[in-house]
């Protein structure tokens, strides 16, 4: 009578578990192991991968199609008008191409306009950047999801876009020739803001309404950088024996410097290109946008044509340089914000 071998007692090692007297089955190494461990791809998997490619391409095409309305808007309302405005400065009234119109940059009135725009933009940008940075520093101590912080963020978003005739009227009613603050200062403190003429209706007087919308714009652009400063940096500096002043001087301020200067350049560009508020307060001239308006309504530089286009070309060059520097500073500031 033949007795069947029990598993592990000299039977087939591929049947049952290895036991006494039976060596474990060797595990193949190398490519064979990979082949054995990974089942071959089925026909269905290969078909799914081939079908995924067209779907991804179709989704990409739909995404680009969704950008079409925005691209059309940029083309019709930004690109084409800008090209026409700048290009008109290089043609005569008869349509002949010329560089002679660039001589307008040597005219004293044009130089004064650019000087006024540079001065107004620089002063309002510096004041707005400093005040906005202080506001950001105060906001950093508040809870990001708190009521006060949310209200200030919302107000900054609204006031940064508050300009034009509404802002001009607000300041006329406040510090104009017969404004509430103006009359109160005269009656209560005998201080006349307009002793030497109505200050608000001059280029230096435009600094006040410009700062009004520069400060909230600084809050919007600089606050993310300030929030990116990690508390661990200060703790590490304190552990190494650095004082709070040393931490700000050697660590925090150098890190925040690119973001601060970039925001300052953005404020300068914002002030340099603003038109509506100045147009509502000053009748003509003084800054480049108002000079362009004057040139469009009446040519005042004798012997030259399409001076408005020449001035627009000068503004585009200045804005391109400023925004190029802003982009470089933003890329440098983004290195430590990742």
C-alpha atoms as a PDB file:
ATOM      1  CA  UNK A   1       0.000   0.000   0.000  1.00  0.00           C
ATOM      2  CA  UNK A   2       1.419   3.285  -1.001  1.00  0.00           C
ATOM      3  CA  UNK A   3       1.228   6.222   1.416  1.00  0.00           C
ATOM      4  CA  UNK A   4       0.864   9.746  -0.064  1.00  0.00           C
ATOM      5  CA  UNK A   5       3.657  12.097   0.856  1.00  0.00           C
ATOM      6  CA  UNK A   6       2.659  14.900   3.213  1.00  0.00           C
ATOM      7  CA  UNK A   7       3.560  18.413   2.258  1.00  0.00           C
ATOM      8  CA  UNK A   8       7.059  19.219   3.394  1.00  0.00           C
ATOM      9  CA  UNK A   9       8.013  15.585   3.910  1.00  0.00           C
ATOM     10  CA  UNK A  10       9.884  14.951   0.746  1.00  0.00           C
ATOM     11  CA  UNK A  11       6.983  15.786  -1.545  1.00  0.00           C
ATOM     12  CA  UNK A  12       6.970  18.198  -4.393  1.00  0.00           C
ATOM     13  CA  UNK A  13       8.294  21.577  -3.065  1.00  0.00           C
ATOM     14  CA  UNK A  14       5.927  23.443  -5.393  1.00  0.00           C
ATOM     15  CA  UNK A  15       2.943  21.861  -3.630  1.00  0.00           C
ATOM     16  CA  UNK A  16       2.339  22.904  -0.080  1.00  0.00           C
ATOM     17  CA  UNK A  17       4.599  24.908   2.223  1.00  0.00           C
ATOM     18  CA  UNK A  18       8.301  24.134   2.589  1.00  0.00           C
ATOM     19  CA  UNK A  19       9.054  22.172   5.708  1.00  0.00           C
ATOM     20  CA  UNK A  20      11.750  19.989   7.247  1.00  0.00           C
ATOM     21  CA  UNK A  21      14.125  18.690   4.707  1.00  0.00           C
ATOM     22  CA  UNK A  22      12.767  20.914   1.988  1.00  0.00           C
ATOM     23  CA  UNK A  23      14.604  24.078   0.799  1.00  0.00           C
ATOM     24  CA  UNK A  24      12.506  27.136  -0.098  1.00  0.00           C
ATOM     25  CA  UNK A  25      11.981  27.703  -3.744  1.00  0.00           C
ATOM     26  CA  UNK A  26      14.589  30.189  -5.020  1.00  0.00           C
ATOM     27  CA  UNK A  27      13.337  33.630  -6.046  1.00  0.00           C
ATOM     28  CA  UNK A  28      14.549  34.584  -9.495  1.00  0.00           C
ATOM     29  CA  UNK A  29      16.636  37.763  -9.667  1.00  0.00           C
ATOM     30  CA  UNK A  30      17.202  40.331 -12.353  1.00  0.00           C
ATOM     31  CA  UNK A  31      14.878  40.944 -15.276  1.00  0.00           C
ATOM     32  CA  UNK A  32      13.152  37.667 -14.647  1.00  0.00           C
ATOM     33  CA  UNK A  33      12.042  38.878 -11.218  1.00  0.00           C
ATOM     34  CA  UNK A  34      10.616  42.058 -12.679  1.00  0.00           C
ATOM     35  CA  UNK A  35       8.788  40.081 -15.310  1.00  0.00           C
ATOM     36  CA  UNK A  36       7.423  37.671 -12.760  1.00  0.00           C
ATOM     37  CA  UNK A  37       6.380  40.374 -10.273  1.00  0.00           C
ATOM     38  CA  UNK A  38       4.762  42.683 -12.799  1.00  0.00           C
ATOM     39  CA  UNK A  39       1.961  41.225 -14.864  1.00  0.00           C
ATOM     40  CA  UNK A  40       2.116  42.034 -18.547  1.00  0.00           C
ATOM     41  CA  UNK A  41       0.000  44.945 -19.718  1.00  0.00           C
ATOM     42  CA  UNK A  42      -3.298  43.857 -21.053  1.00  0.00           C
ATOM     43  CA  UNK A  43      -4.795  44.986 -24.313  1.00  0.00           C
ATOM     44  CA  UNK A  44      -7.391  47.021 -22.406  1.00  0.00           C
ATOM     45  CA  UNK A  45      -4.657  48.993 -20.564  1.00  0.00           C
ATOM     46  CA  UNK A  46      -2.867  49.805 -23.786  1.00  0.00           C
ATOM     47  CA  UNK A  47      -6.115  50.904 -25.379  1.00  0.00           C
ATOM     48  CA  UNK A  48      -6.916  53.158 -22.379  1.00  0.00           C
ATOM     49  CA  UNK A  49      -3.509  54.821 -22.592  1.00  0.00           C
ATOM     50  CA  UNK A  50      -3.913  55.438 -26.293  1.00  0.00           C
ATOM     51  CA  UNK A  51      -7.356  56.926 -25.742  1.00  0.00           C
ATOM     52  CA  UNK A  52      -6.122  59.239 -22.928  1.00  0.00           C
ATOM     53  CA  UNK A  53      -3.822  61.116 -25.297  1.00  0.00           C
ATOM     54  CA  UNK A  54      -6.571  62.553 -27.530  1.00  0.00           C
ATOM     55  CA  UNK A  55      -8.674  63.403 -24.463  1.00  0.00           C
ATOM     56  CA  UNK A  56      -5.827  65.408 -22.914  1.00  0.00           C
ATOM     57  CA  UNK A  57      -5.245  67.184 -26.209  1.00  0.00           C
ATOM     58  CA  UNK A  58      -8.948  67.984 -26.495  1.00  0.00           C
ATOM     59  CA  UNK A  59      -9.008  69.409 -22.958  1.00  0.00           C
ATOM     60  CA  UNK A  60      -6.019  71.587 -23.798  1.00  0.00           C
ATOM     61  CA  UNK A  61      -7.751  72.822 -26.926  1.00  0.00           C
ATOM     62  CA  UNK A  62     -10.903  73.672 -24.986  1.00  0.00           C
ATOM     63  CA  UNK A  63      -8.822  75.575 -22.410  1.00  0.00           C
ATOM     64  CA  UNK A  64      -7.210  77.674 -25.137  1.00  0.00           C
ATOM     65  CA  UNK A  65     -10.643  78.227 -26.664  1.00  0.00           C
ATOM     66  CA  UNK A  66     -11.835  79.596 -23.316  1.00  0.00           C
ATOM     67  CA  UNK A  67      -9.153  82.285 -23.483  1.00  0.00           C
ATOM     68  CA  UNK A  68     -10.444  83.547 -26.824  1.00  0.00           C
ATOM     69  CA  UNK A  69     -12.837  86.225 -25.418  1.00  0.00           C
ATOM     70  CA  UNK A  70     -10.098  87.639 -23.211  1.00  0.00           C
ATOM     71  CA  UNK A  71      -7.597  87.585 -26.084  1.00  0.00           C
ATOM     72  CA  UNK A  72     -10.067  89.410 -28.333  1.00  0.00           C
ATOM     73  CA  UNK A  73     -10.677  92.013 -25.619  1.00  0.00           C
ATOM     74  CA  UNK A  74      -6.938  92.602 -25.121  1.00  0.00           C
ATOM     75  CA  UNK A  75      -6.395  92.849 -28.863  1.00  0.00           C
ATOM     76  CA  UNK A  76      -9.262  95.259 -29.615  1.00  0.00           C
ATOM     77  CA  UNK A  77      -9.198  97.489 -26.534  1.00  0.00           C
ATOM     78  CA  UNK A  78      -5.533  97.424 -25.469  1.00  0.00           C
ATOM     79  CA  UNK A  79      -3.116  96.291 -28.154  1.00  0.00           C
ATOM     80  CA  UNK A  80      -4.642  97.951 -31.228  1.00  0.00           C
ATOM     81  CA  UNK A  81      -5.272 101.370 -29.563  1.00  0.00           C
ATOM     82  CA  UNK A  82      -1.769 101.345 -28.069  1.00  0.00           C
ATOM     83  CA  UNK A  83      -0.159 100.593 -31.440  1.00  0.00           C
ATOM     84  CA  UNK A  84      -2.228 103.288 -33.168  1.00  0.00           C
ATOM     85  CA  UNK A  85      -1.470 105.879 -30.465  1.00  0.00           C
ATOM     86  CA  UNK A  86       2.269 105.203 -30.407  1.00  0.00           C
ATOM     87  CA  UNK A  87       2.596 104.712 -34.158  1.00  0.00           C
ATOM     88  CA  UNK A  88       0.870 108.005 -34.956  1.00  0.00           C
ATOM     89  CA  UNK A  89       3.874 109.869 -33.579  1.00  0.00           C
ATOM     90  CA  UNK A  90       6.023 108.601 -36.437  1.00  0.00           C
ATOM     91  CA  UNK A  91       3.837 109.899 -39.262  1.00  0.00           C
ATOM     92  CA  UNK A  92       3.014 113.297 -40.660  1.00  0.00           C
ATOM     93  CA  UNK A  93      -0.516 114.528 -41.270  1.00  0.00           C
ATOM     94  CA  UNK A  94      -0.196 113.350 -44.867  1.00  0.00           C
ATOM     95  CA  UNK A  95       0.738 109.806 -43.791  1.00  0.00           C
ATOM     96  CA  UNK A  96       4.465 109.957 -44.539  1.00  0.00           C
ATOM     97  CA  UNK A  97       6.800 108.157 -42.116  1.00  0.00           C
ATOM     98  CA  UNK A  98       9.193 110.458 -40.232  1.00  0.00           C
ATOM     99  CA  UNK A  99      11.384 110.697 -37.147  1.00  0.00           C
ATOM    100  CA  UNK A 100      11.187 114.477 -37.101  1.00  0.00           C
ATOM    101  CA  UNK A 101       8.341 114.456 -34.584  1.00  0.00           C
ATOM    102  CA  UNK A 102      10.715 113.070 -31.919  1.00  0.00           C
ATOM    103  CA  UNK A 103      12.121 116.581 -31.690  1.00  0.00           C
ATOM    104  CA  UNK A 104       9.145 117.296 -29.422  1.00  0.00           C
ATOM    105  CA  UNK A 105      11.107 115.733 -26.545  1.00  0.00           C
ATOM    106  CA  UNK A 106      13.371 118.797 -26.622  1.00  0.00           C
ATOM    107  CA  UNK A 107      10.488 121.240 -26.237  1.00  0.00           C
ATOM    108  CA  UNK A 108      10.482 122.955 -22.790  1.00  0.00           C
ATOM    109  CA  UNK A 109       6.769 122.316 -22.211  1.00  0.00           C
ATOM    110  CA  UNK A 110       7.209 118.597 -22.881  1.00  0.00           C
ATOM    111  CA  UNK A 111      10.237 118.425 -20.587  1.00  0.00           C
ATOM    112  CA  UNK A 112       8.269 120.178 -17.839  1.00  0.00           C
ATOM    113  CA  UNK A 113       5.411 117.711 -18.297  1.00  0.00           C
ATOM    114  CA  UNK A 114       7.704 114.713 -17.951  1.00  0.00           C
ATOM    115  CA  UNK A 115       9.407 116.317 -14.964  1.00  0.00           C
ATOM    116  CA  UNK A 116       6.038 116.938 -13.321  1.00  0.00           C
ATOM    117  CA  UNK A 117       4.935 113.348 -13.948  1.00  0.00           C
ATOM    118  CA  UNK A 118       8.193 111.917 -12.607  1.00  0.00           C
ATOM    119  CA  UNK A 119       8.061 114.116  -9.507  1.00  0.00           C
ATOM    120  CA  UNK A 120       4.386 113.471  -8.779  1.00  0.00           C
ATOM    121  CA  UNK A 121       4.722 109.715  -9.312  1.00  0.00           C
ATOM    122  CA  UNK A 122       7.909 109.412  -7.262  1.00  0.00           C
ATOM    123  CA  UNK A 123       6.684 111.438  -4.278  1.00  0.00           C
ATOM    124  CA  UNK A 124       3.272 109.750  -4.133  1.00  0.00           C
ATOM    125  CA  UNK A 125       4.868 106.321  -4.582  1.00  0.00           C
ATOM    126  CA  UNK A 126       7.395 106.820  -1.771  1.00  0.00           C
ATOM    127  CA  UNK A 127       4.783 108.175   0.649  1.00  0.00           C
ATOM    128  CA  UNK A 128       2.305 105.462  -0.311  1.00  0.00           C
ATOM    129  CA  UNK A 129       4.927 102.714  -0.019  1.00  0.00           C
ATOM    130  CA  UNK A 130       6.099 103.794   3.448  1.00  0.00           C
ATOM    131  CA  UNK A 131       2.579 104.260   4.827  1.00  0.00           C
ATOM    132  CA  UNK A 132       1.384 101.047   3.194  1.00  0.00           C
ATOM    133  CA  UNK A 133       4.314  99.059   4.629  1.00  0.00           C
ATOM    134  CA  UNK A 134       3.479 100.356   8.116  1.00  0.00           C
ATOM    135  CA  UNK A 135      -0.154  99.307   7.639  1.00  0.00           C
ATOM    136  CA  UNK A 136       0.980  95.856   6.481  1.00  0.00           C
ATOM    137  CA  UNK A 137       3.228  95.514   9.536  1.00  0.00           C
ATOM    138  CA  UNK A 138       0.246  96.334  11.786  1.00  0.00           C
ATOM    139  CA  UNK A 139      -2.026  93.922   9.907  1.00  0.00           C
ATOM    140  CA  UNK A 140       0.498  91.096  10.290  1.00  0.00           C
ATOM    141  CA  UNK A 141      -0.300  91.002  14.024  1.00  0.00           C
ATOM    142  CA  UNK A 142      -4.004  90.352  13.352  1.00  0.00           C
ATOM    143  CA  UNK A 143      -5.648  87.036  12.629  1.00  0.00           C
ATOM    144  CA  UNK A 144      -5.857  86.499   8.847  1.00  0.00           C
ATOM    145  CA  UNK A 145      -9.453  85.295   9.170  1.00  0.00           C
ATOM    146  CA  UNK A 146     -10.481  87.904  11.749  1.00  0.00           C
ATOM    147  CA  UNK A 147     -13.178  90.513  11.226  1.00  0.00           C
ATOM    148  CA  UNK A 148     -10.849  93.531  11.385  1.00  0.00           C
ATOM    149  CA  UNK A 149      -8.372  92.026   8.943  1.00  0.00           C
ATOM    150  CA  UNK A 150     -11.135  91.035   6.521  1.00  0.00           C
ATOM    151  CA  UNK A 151     -12.647  94.533   6.616  1.00  0.00           C
ATOM    152  CA  UNK A 152      -9.285  96.209   5.996  1.00  0.00           C
ATOM    153  CA  UNK A 153      -8.486  93.851   3.123  1.00  0.00           C
ATOM    154  CA  UNK A 154     -11.869  94.556   1.529  1.00  0.00           C
ATOM    155  CA  UNK A 155     -11.457  98.313   2.004  1.00  0.00           C
ATOM    156  CA  UNK A 156      -7.974  98.210   0.444  1.00  0.00           C
ATOM    157  CA  UNK A 157      -9.318  96.341  -2.583  1.00  0.00           C
ATOM    158  CA  UNK A 158     -12.025  98.975  -3.103  1.00  0.00           C
ATOM    159  CA  UNK A 159     -10.012 102.116  -2.343  1.00  0.00           C
ATOM    160  CA  UNK A 160      -7.109 101.051  -4.587  1.00  0.00           C
ATOM    161  CA  UNK A 161      -9.518 101.414  -7.523  1.00  0.00           C
ATOM    162  CA  UNK A 162     -11.275 104.530  -6.237  1.00  0.00           C
ATOM    163  CA  UNK A 163     -10.211 107.403  -8.447  1.00  0.00           C
ATOM    164  CA  UNK A 164     -11.310 109.721 -11.182  1.00  0.00           C
ATOM    165  CA  UNK A 165     -14.042 112.309 -10.835  1.00  0.00           C
ATOM    166  CA  UNK A 166     -15.460 110.781  -7.626  1.00  0.00           C
ATOM    167  CA  UNK A 167     -12.140 111.022  -5.813  1.00  0.00           C
ATOM    168  CA  UNK A 168     -11.536 114.543  -7.142  1.00  0.00           C
ATOM    169  CA  UNK A 169     -14.952 115.694  -5.950  1.00  0.00           C
ATOM    170  CA  UNK A 170     -14.337 114.152  -2.515  1.00  0.00           C
ATOM    171  CA  UNK A 171     -11.146 116.173  -2.101  1.00  0.00           C
ATOM    172  CA  UNK A 172     -12.727 119.334  -3.515  1.00  0.00           C
ATOM    173  CA  UNK A 173     -15.459 119.044  -0.879  1.00  0.00           C
ATOM    174  CA  UNK A 174     -12.845 118.377   1.810  1.00  0.00           C
ATOM    175  CA  UNK A 175      -9.786 120.559   1.167  1.00  0.00           C
ATOM    176  CA  UNK A 176     -10.867 122.625  -1.840  1.00  0.00           C
ATOM    177  CA  UNK A 177     -11.226 126.391  -1.837  1.00  0.00           C
ATOM    178  CA  UNK A 178     -14.462 126.124   0.211  1.00  0.00           C
ATOM    179  CA  UNK A 179     -13.972 122.614   1.562  1.00  0.00           C
ATOM    180  CA  UNK A 180     -15.080 121.531   5.018  1.00  0.00           C
ATOM    181  CA  UNK A 181     -11.557 121.096   6.367  1.00  0.00           C
ATOM    182  CA  UNK A 182     -10.348 124.282   4.686  1.00  0.00           C
ATOM    183  CA  UNK A 183     -13.042 126.487   6.224  1.00  0.00           C
ATOM    184  CA  UNK A 184     -12.675 124.817   9.637  1.00  0.00           C
ATOM    185  CA  UNK A 185      -8.911 125.440   9.692  1.00  0.00           C
ATOM    186  CA  UNK A 186      -9.463 129.104   8.848  1.00  0.00           C
ATOM    187  CA  UNK A 187     -12.153 129.651  11.473  1.00  0.00           C
ATOM    188  CA  UNK A 188     -10.686 127.539  14.273  1.00  0.00           C
ATOM    189  CA  UNK A 189      -6.908 127.713  13.831  1.00  0.00           C
ATOM    190  CA  UNK A 190      -6.533 130.657  11.416  1.00  0.00           C
ATOM    191  CA  UNK A 191      -4.624 128.447   8.976  1.00  0.00           C
ATOM    192  CA  UNK A 192      -5.336 129.067   5.304  1.00  0.00           C
ATOM    193  CA  UNK A 193      -4.240 126.211   3.087  1.00  0.00           C
ATOM    194  CA  UNK A 194      -4.930 128.296   0.001  1.00  0.00           C
ATOM    195  CA  UNK A 195      -3.170 131.502   1.011  1.00  0.00           C
ATOM    196  CA  UNK A 196      -0.929 131.288  -2.067  1.00  0.00           C
ATOM    197  CA  UNK A 197      -3.617 129.935  -4.383  1.00  0.00           C
ATOM    198  CA  UNK A 198      -5.742 126.821  -4.395  1.00  0.00           C
ATOM    199  CA  UNK A 199      -3.182 124.160  -3.515  1.00  0.00           C
ATOM    200  CA  UNK A 200      -5.326 121.219  -4.592  1.00  0.00           C
ATOM    201  CA  UNK A 201      -5.495 122.461  -8.185  1.00  0.00           C
ATOM    202  CA  UNK A 202      -1.714 122.303  -8.725  1.00  0.00           C
ATOM    203  CA  UNK A 203       0.636 119.438  -9.565  1.00  0.00           C
ATOM    204  CA  UNK A 204       2.103 119.328  -6.014  1.00  0.00           C
ATOM    205  CA  UNK A 205      -1.459 119.315  -4.692  1.00  0.00           C
ATOM    206  CA  UNK A 206      -2.181 116.146  -6.682  1.00  0.00           C
ATOM    207  CA  UNK A 207       0.101 114.255  -4.288  1.00  0.00           C
ATOM    208  CA  UNK A 208      -2.680 114.209  -1.667  1.00  0.00           C
ATOM    209  CA  UNK A 209      -5.360 112.414  -3.752  1.00  0.00           C
ATOM    210  CA  UNK A 210      -2.707 110.205  -5.352  1.00  0.00           C
ATOM    211  CA  UNK A 211      -1.513 108.988  -1.946  1.00  0.00           C
ATOM    212  CA  UNK A 212      -5.146 108.173  -1.176  1.00  0.00           C
ATOM    213  CA  UNK A 213      -5.141 105.279  -3.686  1.00  0.00           C
ATOM    214  CA  UNK A 214      -1.417 104.490  -3.492  1.00  0.00           C
ATOM    215  CA  UNK A 215      -1.553 103.329   0.142  1.00  0.00           C
ATOM    216  CA  UNK A 216      -4.229 100.622  -0.364  1.00  0.00           C
ATOM    217  CA  UNK A 217      -2.454  99.449  -3.515  1.00  0.00           C
ATOM    218  CA  UNK A 218       0.724  99.029  -1.460  1.00  0.00           C
ATOM    219  CA  UNK A 219      -1.219  97.017   1.116  1.00  0.00           C
ATOM    220  CA  UNK A 220      -2.482  94.657  -1.579  1.00  0.00           C
ATOM    221  CA  UNK A 221       0.923  94.105  -3.198  1.00  0.00           C
ATOM    222  CA  UNK A 222       3.236  94.058  -0.173  1.00  0.00           C
ATOM    223  CA  UNK A 223       1.107  92.138   2.342  1.00  0.00           C
ATOM    224  CA  UNK A 224       1.692  88.692   0.720  1.00  0.00           C
ATOM    225  CA  UNK A 225       5.447  89.204   0.969  1.00  0.00           C
ATOM    226  CA  UNK A 226       5.247  90.204   4.633  1.00  0.00           C
ATOM    227  CA  UNK A 227       3.075  87.179   5.377  1.00  0.00           C
ATOM    228  CA  UNK A 228       5.730  85.000   3.749  1.00  0.00           C
ATOM    229  CA  UNK A 229       8.263  85.860   6.458  1.00  0.00           C
ATOM    230  CA  UNK A 230       8.299  82.735   8.613  1.00  0.00           C
ATOM    231  CA  UNK A 231       8.264  82.895  12.421  1.00  0.00           C
ATOM    232  CA  UNK A 232      10.898  80.133  12.516  1.00  0.00           C
ATOM    233  CA  UNK A 233      13.468  82.560  11.129  1.00  0.00           C
ATOM    234  CA  UNK A 234      13.089  84.864  14.128  1.00  0.00           C
ATOM    235  CA  UNK A 235      13.153  81.935  16.535  1.00  0.00           C
ATOM    236  CA  UNK A 236      16.320  80.568  14.944  1.00  0.00           C
ATOM    237  CA  UNK A 237      17.966  84.004  15.105  1.00  0.00           C
ATOM    238  CA  UNK A 238      16.996  84.371  18.770  1.00  0.00           C
ATOM    239  CA  UNK A 239      18.391  80.911  19.520  1.00  0.00           C
ATOM    240  CA  UNK A 240      21.718  81.977  18.041  1.00  0.00           C
ATOM    241  CA  UNK A 241      21.742  85.089  20.241  1.00  0.00           C
ATOM    242  CA  UNK A 242      20.539  87.719  17.759  1.00  0.00           C
ATOM    243  CA  UNK A 243      18.435  90.598  19.054  1.00  0.00           C
ATOM    244  CA  UNK A 244      15.146  91.630  17.506  1.00  0.00           C
ATOM    245  CA  UNK A 245      16.786  94.620  15.810  1.00  0.00           C
ATOM    246  CA  UNK A 246      19.550  92.403  14.427  1.00  0.00           C
ATOM    247  CA  UNK A 247      16.976  89.966  13.081  1.00  0.00           C
ATOM    248  CA  UNK A 248      15.157  92.724  11.186  1.00  0.00           C
ATOM    249  CA  UNK A 249      18.363  94.352   9.960  1.00  0.00           C
ATOM    250  CA  UNK A 250      20.197  91.198   8.871  1.00  0.00           C
ATOM    251  CA  UNK A 251      17.386  88.804   7.910  1.00  0.00           C
ATOM    252  CA  UNK A 252      13.866  90.191   7.532  1.00  0.00           C
ATOM    253  CA  UNK A 253      14.611  93.497   5.789  1.00  0.00           C
ATOM    254  CA  UNK A 254      17.029  92.023   3.203  1.00  0.00           C
ATOM    255  CA  UNK A 255      14.464  89.334   2.418  1.00  0.00           C
ATOM    256  CA  UNK A 256      11.636  91.859   2.084  1.00  0.00           C
ATOM    257  CA  UNK A 257      13.684  94.422   0.146  1.00  0.00           C
ATOM    258  CA  UNK A 258      12.984  93.043  -3.388  1.00  0.00           C
ATOM    259  CA  UNK A 259       9.239  92.887  -2.690  1.00  0.00           C
ATOM    260  CA  UNK A 260       9.249  96.416  -1.234  1.00  0.00           C
ATOM    261  CA  UNK A 261      11.146  97.945  -4.152  1.00  0.00           C
ATOM    262  CA  UNK A 262       8.985  96.043  -6.611  1.00  0.00           C
ATOM    263  CA  UNK A 263       5.825  97.394  -4.973  1.00  0.00           C
ATOM    264  CA  UNK A 264       7.339 100.876  -5.026  1.00  0.00           C
ATOM    265  CA  UNK A 265       7.919 100.598  -8.777  1.00  0.00           C
ATOM    266  CA  UNK A 266       4.337  99.413  -9.245  1.00  0.00           C
ATOM    267  CA  UNK A 267       3.086 102.466  -7.336  1.00  0.00           C
ATOM    268  CA  UNK A 268       5.281 104.703  -9.494  1.00  0.00           C
ATOM    269  CA  UNK A 269       3.804 103.187 -12.660  1.00  0.00           C
ATOM    270  CA  UNK A 270       0.307 103.596 -11.253  1.00  0.00           C
ATOM    271  CA  UNK A 271       0.873 107.282 -10.523  1.00  0.00           C
ATOM    272  CA  UNK A 272       2.650 107.907 -13.834  1.00  0.00           C
ATOM    273  CA  UNK A 273      -0.264 106.566 -15.871  1.00  0.00           C
ATOM    274  CA  UNK A 274      -3.145 108.057 -13.827  1.00  0.00           C
ATOM    275  CA  UNK A 275      -5.232 110.581 -15.720  1.00  0.00           C
ATOM    276  CA  UNK A 276      -8.852 110.965 -14.581  1.00  0.00           C
ATOM    277  CA  UNK A 277      -8.203 112.407 -11.114  1.00  0.00           C
ATOM    278  CA  UNK A 278      -5.674 114.916 -12.434  1.00  0.00           C
ATOM    279  CA  UNK A 279      -7.961 115.868 -15.344  1.00  0.00           C
ATOM    280  CA  UNK A 280     -10.790 116.659 -12.922  1.00  0.00           C
ATOM    281  CA  UNK A 281      -8.569 118.947 -10.808  1.00  0.00           C
ATOM    282  CA  UNK A 282      -6.189 120.585 -13.308  1.00  0.00           C
ATOM    283  CA  UNK A 283      -7.446 122.162 -16.501  1.00  0.00           C
ATOM    284  CA  UNK A 284      -4.379 121.607 -18.694  1.00  0.00           C
ATOM    285  CA  UNK A 285      -0.699 120.690 -18.741  1.00  0.00           C
ATOM    286  CA  UNK A 286       1.532 119.925 -15.801  1.00  0.00           C
ATOM    287  CA  UNK A 287       1.924 116.180 -16.351  1.00  0.00           C
ATOM    288  CA  UNK A 288       2.264 114.007 -19.440  1.00  0.00           C
ATOM    289  CA  UNK A 289      -1.319 112.601 -19.617  1.00  0.00           C
ATOM    290  CA  UNK A 290      -2.791 116.108 -19.450  1.00  0.00           C
ATOM    291  CA  UNK A 291      -0.279 117.351 -22.019  1.00  0.00           C
ATOM    292  CA  UNK A 292      -1.372 114.548 -24.364  1.00  0.00           C
ATOM    293  CA  UNK A 293      -4.963 115.689 -23.948  1.00  0.00           C
ATOM    294  CA  UNK A 294      -3.944 119.260 -24.773  1.00  0.00           C
ATOM    295  CA  UNK A 295      -2.061 118.127 -27.876  1.00  0.00           C
ATOM    296  CA  UNK A 296      -5.058 116.130 -29.065  1.00  0.00           C
ATOM    297  CA  UNK A 297      -7.372 119.117 -28.819  1.00  0.00           C
ATOM    298  CA  UNK A 298      -4.943 121.754 -30.136  1.00  0.00           C
ATOM    299  CA  UNK A 299      -1.429 121.448 -31.508  1.00  0.00           C
ATOM    300  CA  UNK A 300       0.708 123.802 -29.411  1.00  0.00           C
ATOM    301  CA  UNK A 301       4.207 122.879 -30.653  1.00  0.00           C
ATOM    302  CA  UNK A 302       4.714 124.710 -33.925  1.00  0.00           C
ATOM    303  CA  UNK A 303       6.414 122.815 -36.743  1.00  0.00           C
ATOM    304  CA  UNK A 304       5.708 119.333 -35.388  1.00  0.00           C
ATOM    305  CA  UNK A 305       2.764 117.034 -35.979  1.00  0.00           C
ATOM    306  CA  UNK A 306       1.177 114.210 -33.976  1.00  0.00           C
ATOM    307  CA  UNK A 307       2.959 115.293 -30.802  1.00  0.00           C
ATOM    308  CA  UNK A 308       0.407 113.347 -28.750  1.00  0.00           C
ATOM    309  CA  UNK A 309       1.670 110.126 -30.326  1.00  0.00           C
ATOM    310  CA  UNK A 310       5.256 111.101 -29.510  1.00  0.00           C
ATOM    311  CA  UNK A 311       4.339 111.676 -25.868  1.00  0.00           C
ATOM    312  CA  UNK A 312       2.468 108.364 -25.797  1.00  0.00           C
ATOM    313  CA  UNK A 313       5.609 106.682 -27.133  1.00  0.00           C
ATOM    314  CA  UNK A 314       7.634 108.266 -24.322  1.00  0.00           C
ATOM    315  CA  UNK A 315       5.147 107.018 -21.729  1.00  0.00           C
ATOM    316  CA  UNK A 316       5.253 103.503 -23.169  1.00  0.00           C
ATOM    317  CA  UNK A 317       9.061 103.462 -22.973  1.00  0.00           C
ATOM    318  CA  UNK A 318       9.012 104.626 -19.345  1.00  0.00           C
ATOM    319  CA  UNK A 319       6.326 102.110 -18.391  1.00  0.00           C
ATOM    320  CA  UNK A 320       8.168  99.270 -20.146  1.00  0.00           C
ATOM    321  CA  UNK A 321      11.372 100.022 -18.227  1.00  0.00           C
ATOM    322  CA  UNK A 322       9.543 100.304 -14.906  1.00  0.00           C
ATOM    323  CA  UNK A 323       7.527  97.128 -15.376  1.00  0.00           C
ATOM    324  CA  UNK A 324      10.598  95.237 -16.573  1.00  0.00           C
ATOM    325  CA  UNK A 325      12.437  96.169 -13.378  1.00  0.00           C
ATOM    326  CA  UNK A 326       9.318  95.261 -11.377  1.00  0.00           C
ATOM    327  CA  UNK A 327       9.210  91.817 -12.996  1.00  0.00           C
ATOM    328  CA  UNK A 328      12.875  91.166 -12.142  1.00  0.00           C
ATOM    329  CA  UNK A 329      12.354  92.164  -8.515  1.00  0.00           C
ATOM    330  CA  UNK A 330       9.228  90.017  -8.244  1.00  0.00           C
ATOM    331  CA  UNK A 331      11.086  86.963  -9.542  1.00  0.00           C
ATOM    332  CA  UNK A 332      13.842  87.546  -7.018  1.00  0.00           C
ATOM    333  CA  UNK A 333      11.321  87.980  -4.184  1.00  0.00           C
ATOM    334  CA  UNK A 334       9.493  84.784  -5.218  1.00  0.00           C
ATOM    335  CA  UNK A 335      12.561  82.612  -4.554  1.00  0.00           C
ATOM    336  CA  UNK A 336      12.017  82.501  -0.799  1.00  0.00           C
ATOM    337  CA  UNK A 337       8.211  82.600  -0.960  1.00  0.00           C
ATOM    338  CA  UNK A 338       7.960  79.111  -2.505  1.00  0.00           C
END
